[in-house]
N, C-alpha and C. Protein backbone atom coordinates (compact mmCIF):
# COMPACT_ATOMS: atom_id res chain seq x y z
N UNK A 1 -0.68 85.62 -65.42
CA UNK A 1 0.05 84.37 -65.49
C UNK A 1 -0.69 83.31 -64.67
N UNK A 2 -0.68 82.09 -65.17
CA UNK A 2 -1.36 81.00 -64.46
C UNK A 2 -0.64 80.60 -63.18
N UNK A 3 -1.42 80.07 -62.26
CA UNK A 3 -0.89 79.55 -61.00
C UNK A 3 -0.94 78.03 -61.08
N UNK A 4 0.19 77.38 -60.86
CA UNK A 4 0.28 75.93 -60.92
C UNK A 4 0.55 75.37 -59.53
N UNK A 5 0.00 74.20 -59.27
CA UNK A 5 0.19 73.52 -58.00
C UNK A 5 1.09 72.32 -58.25
N UNK A 6 2.13 72.17 -57.41
CA UNK A 6 3.09 71.09 -57.55
C UNK A 6 3.16 70.29 -56.26
N UNK A 7 3.59 69.04 -56.40
CA UNK A 7 3.83 68.17 -55.25
C UNK A 7 5.19 67.52 -55.43
N UNK A 8 5.99 67.56 -54.37
CA UNK A 8 7.33 66.98 -54.39
C UNK A 8 7.23 65.48 -54.14
N UNK A 9 7.92 64.70 -54.98
CA UNK A 9 7.94 63.25 -54.80
C UNK A 9 8.86 62.83 -53.66
N UNK A 10 9.85 63.64 -53.35
CA UNK A 10 10.81 63.30 -52.29
C UNK A 10 10.24 63.48 -50.90
N UNK A 11 9.65 64.66 -50.63
CA UNK A 11 9.18 64.96 -49.27
C UNK A 11 7.67 65.06 -49.14
N UNK A 12 6.93 65.09 -50.27
CA UNK A 12 5.47 65.16 -50.22
C UNK A 12 4.92 66.57 -50.03
N UNK A 13 5.78 67.57 -50.06
CA UNK A 13 5.37 68.97 -49.86
C UNK A 13 4.59 69.47 -51.07
N UNK A 14 3.47 70.17 -50.84
CA UNK A 14 2.66 70.76 -51.90
C UNK A 14 2.83 72.27 -51.88
N UNK A 15 3.02 72.86 -53.05
CA UNK A 15 3.23 74.30 -53.15
C UNK A 15 2.71 74.82 -54.48
N UNK A 16 2.52 76.13 -54.56
CA UNK A 16 2.03 76.76 -55.77
C UNK A 16 3.11 77.65 -56.37
N UNK A 17 3.10 77.75 -57.69
CA UNK A 17 4.09 78.53 -58.42
C UNK A 17 3.36 79.33 -59.50
N UNK A 18 3.70 80.61 -59.62
CA UNK A 18 3.18 81.44 -60.70
C UNK A 18 4.20 81.40 -61.82
N UNK A 19 3.78 80.88 -62.98
CA UNK A 19 4.69 80.72 -64.11
C UNK A 19 3.98 81.09 -65.40
N UNK A 20 4.77 81.46 -66.39
CA UNK A 20 4.23 81.66 -67.73
C UNK A 20 3.96 80.28 -68.34
N UNK A 21 3.01 80.25 -69.27
CA UNK A 21 2.72 78.99 -69.95
C UNK A 21 3.94 78.54 -70.75
N UNK A 22 4.68 79.50 -71.28
CA UNK A 22 5.84 79.18 -72.12
C UNK A 22 7.07 78.75 -71.31
N UNK A 23 7.05 78.89 -69.99
CA UNK A 23 8.19 78.47 -69.16
C UNK A 23 8.35 76.96 -69.19
N UNK A 24 9.54 76.53 -69.53
CA UNK A 24 9.85 75.10 -69.53
C UNK A 24 10.84 74.82 -68.41
N UNK A 25 11.10 73.56 -68.20
CA UNK A 25 12.10 73.20 -67.21
C UNK A 25 11.48 72.65 -65.94
N UNK A 26 12.36 72.17 -65.10
CA UNK A 26 11.94 71.56 -63.85
C UNK A 26 11.65 72.63 -62.80
N UNK A 27 10.78 72.28 -61.88
CA UNK A 27 10.45 73.16 -60.77
C UNK A 27 11.09 72.58 -59.52
N UNK A 28 11.81 73.40 -58.80
CA UNK A 28 12.50 72.96 -57.59
C UNK A 28 11.57 73.07 -56.39
N UNK A 29 11.58 72.07 -55.55
CA UNK A 29 10.76 72.05 -54.34
C UNK A 29 11.21 73.16 -53.39
N UNK A 30 10.24 73.86 -52.83
CA UNK A 30 10.55 74.95 -51.89
C UNK A 30 11.01 74.42 -50.54
N UNK A 31 10.68 73.19 -50.24
CA UNK A 31 10.98 72.62 -48.94
C UNK A 31 12.34 71.91 -48.91
N UNK A 32 12.58 70.99 -49.85
CA UNK A 32 13.81 70.20 -49.82
C UNK A 32 14.73 70.47 -51.01
N UNK A 33 14.35 71.35 -51.90
CA UNK A 33 15.13 71.75 -53.08
C UNK A 33 15.38 70.60 -54.05
N UNK A 34 14.51 69.61 -54.06
CA UNK A 34 14.60 68.49 -54.99
C UNK A 34 13.95 68.89 -56.32
N UNK A 35 14.41 68.28 -57.41
CA UNK A 35 13.81 68.52 -58.72
C UNK A 35 12.75 67.49 -59.08
N UNK A 36 12.42 66.61 -58.16
CA UNK A 36 11.43 65.57 -58.40
C UNK A 36 10.04 66.08 -58.03
N UNK A 37 9.51 66.97 -58.84
CA UNK A 37 8.19 67.54 -58.59
C UNK A 37 7.25 67.19 -59.74
N UNK A 38 5.97 67.07 -59.43
CA UNK A 38 4.93 66.79 -60.42
C UNK A 38 3.86 67.85 -60.34
N UNK A 39 3.39 68.27 -61.52
CA UNK A 39 2.29 69.24 -61.57
C UNK A 39 0.99 68.52 -61.23
N UNK A 40 0.20 69.12 -60.35
CA UNK A 40 -1.06 68.53 -59.92
C UNK A 40 -2.22 69.23 -60.63
N UNK A 41 -3.32 68.52 -60.77
CA UNK A 41 -4.53 69.13 -61.30
C UNK A 41 -5.28 69.77 -60.15
N UNK A 42 -5.74 70.98 -60.36
CA UNK A 42 -6.47 71.69 -59.32
C UNK A 42 -7.75 72.26 -59.90
N UNK A 43 -8.77 72.37 -59.07
CA UNK A 43 -10.02 72.98 -59.50
C UNK A 43 -9.84 74.46 -59.71
N UNK A 44 -10.53 74.96 -60.68
CA UNK A 44 -10.49 76.39 -60.94
C UNK A 44 -11.43 77.10 -59.99
N UNK A 45 -11.06 78.29 -59.59
CA UNK A 45 -11.94 79.07 -58.72
C UNK A 45 -12.81 80.02 -59.53
N UNK A 46 -12.76 79.94 -60.85
CA UNK A 46 -13.52 80.80 -61.73
C UNK A 46 -14.94 80.27 -61.86
N UNK A 47 -15.93 81.08 -61.49
CA UNK A 47 -17.32 80.70 -61.63
C UNK A 47 -18.11 81.87 -62.19
N UNK A 48 -19.15 81.55 -62.94
CA UNK A 48 -20.06 82.57 -63.45
C UNK A 48 -21.33 82.49 -62.63
N UNK A 49 -21.67 83.60 -61.98
CA UNK A 49 -22.86 83.63 -61.14
C UNK A 49 -23.77 84.76 -61.58
N UNK A 50 -25.03 84.61 -61.29
CA UNK A 50 -25.99 85.66 -61.60
C UNK A 50 -26.68 85.43 -62.93
N UNK A 51 -27.62 86.29 -63.23
CA UNK A 51 -28.35 86.16 -64.49
C UNK A 51 -27.51 86.70 -65.63
N UNK A 52 -27.81 86.26 -66.82
CA UNK A 52 -27.12 86.76 -68.00
C UNK A 52 -26.04 85.86 -68.52
N UNK A 53 -25.75 84.77 -67.86
CA UNK A 53 -24.68 83.89 -68.34
C UNK A 53 -25.21 82.62 -68.99
N UNK A 54 -26.50 82.45 -68.97
CA UNK A 54 -27.06 81.30 -69.67
C UNK A 54 -28.02 81.82 -70.70
N UNK A 55 -29.25 81.40 -70.72
CA UNK A 55 -30.18 81.86 -71.74
C UNK A 55 -30.76 83.24 -71.40
N UNK A 56 -30.66 83.67 -70.13
CA UNK A 56 -31.25 84.95 -69.74
C UNK A 56 -30.63 86.12 -70.48
N UNK A 57 -29.36 86.11 -70.68
CA UNK A 57 -28.68 87.25 -71.27
C UNK A 57 -28.58 87.21 -72.78
N UNK A 58 -28.98 86.12 -73.40
CA UNK A 58 -28.80 85.98 -74.83
C UNK A 58 -30.11 85.97 -75.61
N UNK A 59 -31.21 86.18 -74.96
CA UNK A 59 -32.48 86.23 -75.67
C UNK A 59 -32.90 87.67 -75.88
N UNK A 60 -33.65 87.88 -76.90
CA UNK A 60 -34.18 89.19 -77.19
C UNK A 60 -35.45 89.37 -76.36
N UNK A 61 -35.53 90.41 -75.58
CA UNK A 61 -36.68 90.62 -74.69
C UNK A 61 -37.98 90.75 -75.47
N UNK A 62 -37.96 91.33 -76.65
CA UNK A 62 -39.18 91.51 -77.44
C UNK A 62 -39.68 90.15 -77.98
N UNK A 63 -38.78 89.20 -78.25
CA UNK A 63 -39.19 87.87 -78.72
C UNK A 63 -39.85 87.06 -77.62
N UNK A 64 -39.50 87.28 -76.37
CA UNK A 64 -40.08 86.53 -75.26
C UNK A 64 -41.55 86.88 -75.06
N UNK A 65 -41.95 88.12 -75.34
CA UNK A 65 -43.33 88.55 -75.12
C UNK A 65 -44.28 88.01 -76.19
N UNK A 66 -43.78 87.64 -77.34
CA UNK A 66 -44.64 87.16 -78.44
C UNK A 66 -45.03 85.74 -78.29
């Protein structure tokens, strides 16, 4: 399930919530219990590192020698 980051408009508190994509409805603030929350955009922590994720892993080794 995705992790979403929210910010409360009433108190400014930022918190994370694990929810299904199909979940609808308002999210209640953990700090002041207000329903005035907005979903924030956050950077993903998913990165591809190492060889094999660009052209290194998708070329045929025998074609490189020719």
